[in-house]
């Protein structure tokens, strides 16, 4: 084969490889977009869960001493 034909073959292979890489890159970009959306969704859900937990914690009584509860098992043990 002539050098020109060899060069033409190499250029053709490079063009094919370039198209393959472009397709692969597009697929990877789609995957990154999907994962970014999923991450953002999970962050949003996490923040919502944190807010719910904070709201529940705010509803807990803070003025009752730790040993002074009405459901103390020592108080209920003698009842029949």
Protein backbone atom coordinates (compact mmCIF):
# COMPACT_ATOMS: atom_id res chain seq x y z
CA UNK A 1 0.00 0.00 0.00
CA UNK A 2 1.08 3.50 -0.59
CA UNK A 3 1.83 5.91 2.21
CA UNK A 4 -1.19 7.98 1.22
CA UNK A 5 -3.48 4.94 1.54
CA UNK A 6 -1.95 4.07 4.94
CA UNK A 7 -2.52 7.61 6.08
CA UNK A 8 -6.10 7.56 4.79
CA UNK A 9 -6.75 4.30 6.68
CA UNK A 10 -5.34 5.75 9.88
CA UNK A 11 -7.45 8.89 9.48
CA UNK A 12 -10.54 6.71 8.94
CA UNK A 13 -9.78 4.74 12.13
CA UNK A 14 -9.23 7.96 14.04
CA UNK A 15 -12.58 9.29 12.83
CA UNK A 16 -14.33 6.10 13.91
CA UNK A 17 -12.61 6.22 17.30
CA UNK A 18 -13.56 9.88 17.63
CA UNK A 19 -17.24 9.04 17.00
CA UNK A 20 -17.08 6.21 19.57
CA UNK A 21 -15.58 8.55 22.14
CA UNK A 22 -18.20 11.20 21.42
CA UNK A 23 -20.99 8.65 22.00
CA UNK A 24 -19.32 7.43 25.18
CA UNK A 25 -18.92 11.00 26.40
CA UNK A 26 -22.60 11.75 25.74
CA UNK A 27 -23.63 8.67 27.71
CA UNK A 28 -21.34 9.65 30.57
CA UNK A 29 -22.75 13.18 30.57
CA UNK A 30 -26.27 11.74 30.79
CA UNK A 31 -25.19 9.52 33.66
CA UNK A 32 -23.60 12.46 35.49
CA UNK A 33 -26.82 14.47 35.03
CA UNK A 34 -28.90 11.58 36.39
CA UNK A 35 -26.61 11.08 39.37
CA UNK A 36 -26.54 14.80 40.07
CA UNK A 37 -30.34 14.86 40.08
CA UNK A 38 -30.46 11.80 42.34
CA UNK A 39 -27.92 13.37 44.70
CA UNK A 40 -29.90 16.60 44.86
CA UNK A 41 -33.08 14.64 45.54
CA UNK A 42 -31.40 12.68 48.33
CA UNK A 43 -30.02 15.89 49.84
CA UNK A 44 -33.50 17.38 49.78
CA UNK A 45 -34.96 14.30 51.47
CA UNK A 46 -32.17 14.37 54.06
CA UNK A 47 -32.84 18.02 54.84
CA UNK A 48 -36.57 17.32 55.15
CA UNK A 49 -35.84 14.42 57.53
CA UNK A 50 -33.53 16.64 59.59
CA UNK A 51 -36.25 19.27 59.81
CA UNK A 52 -38.78 16.67 60.99
CA UNK A 53 -36.33 15.37 63.60
CA UNK A 54 -35.58 18.90 64.79
CA UNK A 55 -39.32 19.58 65.08
CA UNK A 56 -39.77 16.39 67.11
CA UNK A 57 -36.85 17.28 69.34
CA UNK A 58 -38.35 20.73 69.92
CA UNK A 59 -41.56 19.08 71.12
CA UNK A 60 -39.78 17.03 73.79
CA UNK A 61 -40.18 18.39 77.31
CA UNK A 62 -36.98 19.90 78.67
CA UNK A 63 -38.03 20.86 82.21
CA UNK A 64 -38.67 17.36 83.65
CA UNK A 65 -35.72 15.90 85.64
CA UNK A 66 -34.37 12.65 84.23
CA UNK A 67 -35.36 10.55 87.30
CA UNK A 68 -38.83 12.07 87.74
CA UNK A 69 -41.07 10.23 85.27
CA UNK A 70 -44.64 9.02 85.69
CA UNK A 71 -43.90 5.70 83.96
CA UNK A 72 -41.12 4.74 86.34
CA UNK A 73 -41.11 0.91 86.63
CA UNK A 74 -40.43 1.17 90.37
CA UNK A 75 -43.78 2.90 90.91
CA UNK A 76 -45.78 0.38 88.87
CA UNK A 77 -44.18 -2.79 90.23
CA UNK A 78 -46.23 -2.91 93.46
CA UNK A 79 -49.64 -2.54 91.81
CA UNK A 80 -51.78 -5.60 91.13
